[in-house]
C-alpha atoms as a PDB file:
ATOM      1  CA  MET A   1       8.869 -13.824   7.419  1.00  0.00           C
ATOM      2  CA  ASP A   2       6.801 -14.913   9.980  1.00  0.00           C
ATOM      3  CA  GLY A   3       3.432 -13.578  10.884  1.00  0.00           C
ATOM      4  CA  ALA A   4       4.548 -11.228  13.867  1.00  0.00           C
ATOM      5  CA  THR A   5       6.910  -9.330  11.276  1.00  0.00           C
ATOM      6  CA  HIS A   6       4.354  -8.744   9.035  1.00  0.00           C
ATOM      7  CA  GLU A   7       2.436  -7.809  11.811  1.00  0.00           C
ATOM      8  CA  ARG A   8       5.196  -5.203  12.781  1.00  0.00           C
ATOM      9  CA  PHE A   9       5.363  -3.820   9.207  1.00  0.00           C
ATOM     10  CA  MET A  10       1.463  -3.326   9.394  1.00  0.00           C
ATOM     11  CA  ARG A  11       1.674  -1.558  11.959  1.00  0.00           C
ATOM     12  CA  GLU A  12       3.718   1.118  10.418  1.00  0.00           C
ATOM     13  CA  ALA A  13       1.860   1.604   7.189  1.00  0.00           C
ATOM     14  CA  LEU A  14      -1.105   1.800   9.686  1.00  0.00           C
ATOM     15  CA  GLU A  15       0.679   4.957  11.074  1.00  0.00           C
ATOM     16  CA  GLU A  16       1.475   6.021   8.252  1.00  0.00           C
ATOM     17  CA  ALA A  17      -2.846   5.631   7.174  1.00  0.00           C
ATOM     18  CA  ASP A  18      -3.169   7.552  10.232  1.00  0.00           C
ATOM     19  CA  GLN A  19      -1.068  10.430   8.824  1.00  0.00           C
ATOM     20  CA  ALA A  20      -3.016  10.668   5.723  1.00  0.00           C
ATOM     21  CA  ALA A  21      -6.899  10.356   7.689  1.00  0.00           C
ATOM     22  CA  GLU A  22      -5.485  13.364   9.285  1.00  0.00           C
ATOM     23  CA  ALA A  23      -4.599  15.227   6.487  1.00  0.00           C
ATOM     24  CA  GLY A  24      -7.914  14.745   4.972  1.00  0.00           C
ATOM     25  CA  GLU A  25      -6.652  11.944   2.655  1.00  0.00           C
ATOM     26  CA  VAL A  26      -8.192   8.475   2.204  1.00  0.00           C
ATOM     27  CA  PRO A  27      -5.784   6.521   4.939  1.00  0.00           C
ATOM     28  CA  VAL A  28      -4.146   4.584   3.058  1.00  0.00           C
ATOM     29  CA  GLY A  29      -0.272   3.842   4.209  1.00  0.00           C
ATOM     30  CA  ALA A  30       2.940   1.820   2.637  1.00  0.00           C
ATOM     31  CA  VAL A  31       6.401   0.812   3.606  1.00  0.00           C
ATOM     32  CA  VAL A  32       8.988  -0.851   1.866  1.00  0.00           C
ATOM     33  CA  VAL A  33      10.923  -2.776   4.056  1.00  0.00           C
ATOM     34  CA  ARG A  34      14.663  -4.546   3.038  1.00  0.00           C
ATOM     35  CA  ALA A  35      16.827  -6.316   5.388  1.00  0.00           C
ATOM     36  CA  GLY A  36      13.862  -6.114   8.009  1.00  0.00           C
ATOM     37  CA  GLN A  37      14.546  -2.279   7.786  1.00  0.00           C
ATOM     38  CA  VAL A  38      12.348   0.168   6.542  1.00  0.00           C
ATOM     39  CA  ILE A  39      13.612   2.070   3.594  1.00  0.00           C
ATOM     40  CA  ALA A  40      10.475   4.094   2.867  1.00  0.00           C
ATOM     41  CA  ARG A  41       7.052   5.132   3.367  1.00  0.00           C
ATOM     42  CA  ALA A  42       4.382   6.704   2.604  1.00  0.00           C
ATOM     43  CA  HIS A  43       0.724   7.350   2.777  1.00  0.00           C
ATOM     44  CA  ASN A  44      -2.042   9.467   0.261  1.00  0.00           C
ATOM     45  CA  ARG A  45      -1.094  12.620  -1.052  1.00  0.00           C
ATOM     46  CA  ARG A  46      -3.748  12.560  -3.647  1.00  0.00           C
ATOM     47  CA  GLU A  47      -5.317  15.660  -2.476  1.00  0.00           C
ATOM     48  CA  MET A  48      -2.269  17.279  -1.359  1.00  0.00           C
ATOM     49  CA  ASP A  49      -0.527  17.174  -4.609  1.00  0.00           C
ATOM     50  CA  ALA A  50      -3.023  17.215  -6.708  1.00  0.00           C
ATOM     51  CA  ASP A  51      -1.855  14.170  -8.336  1.00  0.00           C
ATOM     52  CA  PRO A  52      -3.764  11.005  -9.136  1.00  0.00           C
ATOM     53  CA  THR A  53      -0.816   9.087  -8.759  1.00  0.00           C
ATOM     54  CA  ALA A  54       0.078   9.869  -5.370  1.00  0.00           C
ATOM     55  CA  HIS A  55      -0.988   6.571  -3.929  1.00  0.00           C
ATOM     56  CA  ALA A  56       0.706   5.290  -1.028  1.00  0.00           C
ATOM     57  CA  GLU A  57       2.579   2.550  -2.688  1.00  0.00           C
ATOM     58  CA  VAL A  58       3.822   4.681  -5.904  1.00  0.00           C
ATOM     59  CA  LEU A  59       5.296   7.088  -3.431  1.00  0.00           C
ATOM     60  CA  ALA A  60       6.836   4.208  -1.199  1.00  0.00           C
ATOM     61  CA  LEU A  61       8.103   2.542  -4.045  1.00  0.00           C
ATOM     62  CA  ARG A  62       9.544   5.766  -5.207  1.00  0.00           C
ATOM     63  CA  ASP A  63      11.379   6.346  -2.433  1.00  0.00           C
ATOM     64  CA  ALA A  64      12.838   3.028  -1.972  1.00  0.00           C
ATOM     65  CA  ALA A  65      14.069   3.142  -5.428  1.00  0.00           C
ATOM     66  CA  GLU A  66      15.762   6.105  -4.466  1.00  0.00           C
ATOM     67  CA  THR A  67      16.960   5.425  -1.478  1.00  0.00           C
ATOM     68  CA  LEU A  68      18.813   2.760  -3.541  1.00  0.00           C
ATOM     69  CA  GLY A  69      19.421   4.478  -6.469  1.00  0.00           C
ATOM     70  CA  SER A  70      17.714   1.745  -8.199  1.00  0.00           C
ATOM     71  CA  TRP A  71      14.455   0.603  -9.618  1.00  0.00           C
ATOM     72  CA  ARG A  72      14.867  -2.793  -8.934  1.00  0.00           C
ATOM     73  CA  LEU A  73      13.477  -3.919  -5.847  1.00  0.00           C
ATOM     74  CA  GLU A  74      13.720  -7.201  -5.873  1.00  0.00           C
ATOM     75  CA  ASP A  75      14.796  -7.933  -2.497  1.00  0.00           C
ATOM     76  CA  CYS A  76      12.342  -5.388  -0.834  1.00  0.00           C
ATOM     77  CA  ASP A  77       8.709  -5.939   0.258  1.00  0.00           C
ATOM     78  CA  LEU A  78       6.003  -3.704   0.406  1.00  0.00           C
ATOM     79  CA  TYR A  79       3.771  -3.233   3.156  1.00  0.00           C
ATOM     80  CA  VAL A  80       0.441  -1.138   2.672  1.00  0.00           C
ATOM     81  CA  THR A  81      -3.084  -1.370   4.231  1.00  0.00           C
ATOM     82  CA  LEU A  82      -5.365  -1.504   1.355  1.00  0.00           C
ATOM     83  CA  GLU A  83      -5.534  -4.218  -1.440  1.00  0.00           C
ATOM     84  CA  PRO A  84      -3.914  -2.088  -4.391  1.00  0.00           C
ATOM     85  CA  CYS A  85      -5.741  -0.500  -7.542  1.00  0.00           C
ATOM     86  CA  PHE A  86      -4.731  -1.788 -11.007  1.00  0.00           C
ATOM     87  CA  MET A  87      -2.310   1.014 -11.325  1.00  0.00           C
ATOM     88  CA  CYS A  88      -0.062   0.512  -7.885  1.00  0.00           C
ATOM     89  CA  ALA A  89      -0.451  -3.422  -8.622  1.00  0.00           C
ATOM     90  CA  GLY A  90       1.706  -2.649 -12.262  1.00  0.00           C
ATOM     91  CA  ALA A  91       3.983  -0.450  -9.864  1.00  0.00           C
ATOM     92  CA  VAL A  92       4.720  -3.841  -7.757  1.00  0.00           C
ATOM     93  CA  VAL A  93       5.090  -5.431 -10.825  1.00  0.00           C
ATOM     94  CA  ASN A  94       7.067  -3.137 -12.291  1.00  0.00           C
ATOM     95  CA  ALA A  95       9.778  -2.664  -9.567  1.00  0.00           C
ATOM     96  CA  ARG A  96      10.154  -6.224  -8.854  1.00  0.00           C
ATOM     97  CA  VAL A  97       9.528  -6.333  -5.581  1.00  0.00           C
ATOM     98  CA  ARG A  98       9.673  -9.682  -3.792  1.00  0.00           C
ATOM     99  CA  THR A  99       6.949  -9.525  -1.633  1.00  0.00           C
ATOM    100  CA  LEU A 100       3.677  -7.958  -1.360  1.00  0.00           C
ATOM    101  CA  ILE A 101       2.109  -7.916   1.928  1.00  0.00           C
ATOM    102  CA  PHE A 102      -1.373  -5.981   2.530  1.00  0.00           C
ATOM    103  CA  GLY A 103      -4.019  -5.822   5.248  1.00  0.00           C
ATOM    104  CA  ALA A 104      -8.074  -5.420   3.790  1.00  0.00           C
ATOM    105  CA  GLN A 105      -9.263  -6.390   0.273  1.00  0.00           C
ATOM    106  CA  ASP A 106     -10.597  -3.783  -2.197  1.00  0.00           C
ATOM    107  CA  PRO A 107     -13.916  -5.154  -3.512  1.00  0.00           C
ATOM    108  CA  LYS A 108     -13.988  -1.340  -5.451  1.00  0.00           C
ATOM    109  CA  ALA A 109     -10.697  -0.797  -6.880  1.00  0.00           C
ATOM    110  CA  GLY A 110      -8.342  -3.818  -5.800  1.00  0.00           C
ATOM    111  CA  ALA A 111      -5.932  -5.609  -8.199  1.00  0.00           C
ATOM    112  CA  VAL A 112      -4.661  -8.332  -6.284  1.00  0.00           C
ATOM    113  CA  GLY A 113      -7.960 -10.769  -6.281  1.00  0.00           C
ATOM    114  CA  SER A 114     -10.872  -8.574  -5.639  1.00  0.00           C
ATOM    115  CA  LEU A 115     -11.294  -7.218  -9.198  1.00  0.00           C
ATOM    116  CA  ALA A 116      -8.858  -8.931 -10.623  1.00  0.00           C
ATOM    117  CA  ASN A 117      -4.912 -10.129  -9.907  1.00  0.00           C
ATOM    118  CA  VAL A 118      -2.425  -8.349 -12.078  1.00  0.00           C
ATOM    119  CA  PRO A 119       0.047  -9.851  -9.967  1.00  0.00           C
ATOM    120  CA  ALA A 120      -0.470 -13.401 -10.713  1.00  0.00           C
ATOM    121  CA  ASP A 121      -1.091 -12.868 -14.961  1.00  0.00           C
ATOM    122  CA  ALA A 122       1.797 -15.531 -15.845  1.00  0.00           C
ATOM    123  CA  ARG A 123       2.325 -12.945 -18.772  1.00  0.00           C
ATOM    124  CA  LEU A 124       4.547 -10.671 -16.995  1.00  0.00           C
ATOM    125  CA  ASN A 125       7.978 -11.301 -16.532  1.00  0.00           C
ATOM    126  CA  HIS A 126       7.890 -11.214 -12.342  1.00  0.00           C
ATOM    127  CA  ARG A 127       5.313 -12.318 -10.017  1.00  0.00           C
ATOM    128  CA  PRO A 128       5.645 -11.705  -6.829  1.00  0.00           C
ATOM    129  CA  GLU A 129       4.850 -13.433  -3.695  1.00  0.00           C
ATOM    130  CA  ILE A 130       1.654 -12.153  -2.120  1.00  0.00           C
ATOM    131  CA  VAL A 131       0.622 -12.159   1.419  1.00  0.00           C
ATOM    132  CA  SER A 132      -2.964 -11.151   1.897  1.00  0.00           C
ATOM    133  CA  GLY A 133      -5.086 -10.461   5.353  1.00  0.00           C
ATOM    134  CA  VAL A 134      -2.408  -8.677   7.388  1.00  0.00           C
ATOM    135  CA  LEU A 135      -4.151  -6.975  10.626  1.00  0.00           C
ATOM    136  CA  ALA A 136      -7.335  -6.668   7.883  1.00  0.00           C
ATOM    137  CA  GLU A 137      -9.735  -5.650  10.746  1.00  0.00           C
ATOM    138  CA  SER A 138      -7.592  -2.847  11.586  1.00  0.00           C
ATOM    139  CA  CYS A 139      -6.857  -1.832   8.314  1.00  0.00           C
ATOM    140  CA  GLY A 140     -10.697  -1.877   6.938  1.00  0.00           C
ATOM    141  CA  GLU A 141     -11.580   0.299  10.436  1.00  0.00           C
ATOM    142  CA  VAL A 142      -9.645   2.846   9.593  1.00  0.00           C
ATOM    143  CA  LEU A 143     -10.921   3.341   6.042  1.00  0.00           C
ATOM    144  CA  ARG A 144     -14.832   2.617   7.529  1.00  0.00           C
ATOM    145  CA  ALA A 145     -14.045   5.194  10.413  1.00  0.00           C
ATOM    146  CA  PHE A 146     -12.862   7.998   7.613  1.00  0.00           C
ATOM    147  CA  PHE A 147     -15.262   7.315   4.956  1.00  0.00           C
ATOM    148  CA  ALA A 148     -18.352   7.519   8.346  1.00  0.00           C
ATOM    149  CA  ALA A 149     -16.427  11.001   9.031  1.00  0.00           C
ATOM    150  CA  ARG A 150     -16.536  12.041   5.194  1.00  0.00           C
ATOM    151  CA  ARG A 151     -20.527  10.830   5.555  1.00  0.00           C
ATOM    152  CA  ARG A 152     -21.192  13.185   8.708  1.00  0.00           C
ATOM    153  CA  GLY A 153     -19.120  15.980   6.757  1.00  0.00           C
ATOM    154  CA  GLY A 154     -15.837  15.846   8.582  1.00  0.00           C
ATOM    155  CA  ALA A 155     -13.046  14.800   5.824  1.00  0.00           C
ATOM    156  CA  ALA A 156     -11.983  16.235   3.035  1.00  0.00           C
ATOM    157  CA  ARG A 157     -13.204  14.650  -0.500  1.00  0.00           C
ATOM    158  CA  SER A 158     -11.400  11.626  -1.885  1.00  0.00           C
END
């Protein structure tokens, strides 16, 4: 896929991140794309669901698998606004996602190049293609604004 296509779908993930922020969740959004169509979308819901695994990526992958009737998402691409953590990077590998596209890097928890590079580990049975930095500034700004508001007392804790 080309850069314009990646930006189009990342904007959809950013819409999900905005919904998370409005709900007081850390603003991370994700969409799963297959054959040029969004088949699943999600945003962080850890606070709302009281679930430590309710990250945008995991929720989007679950919805995509349910939509397709299979956990194998080999012909799907995952767009996420923030570099996945270890749990989410593992979910991407286990779901056999074709391509992982993310926006902002996460130097504190990212497991796709920052702290580690889980999907590139040659010992694993699947290694998705990785595209990083798509709309990174916009993706990072959503997070910076959220945490700035939180420091001022305007957002839920994460």
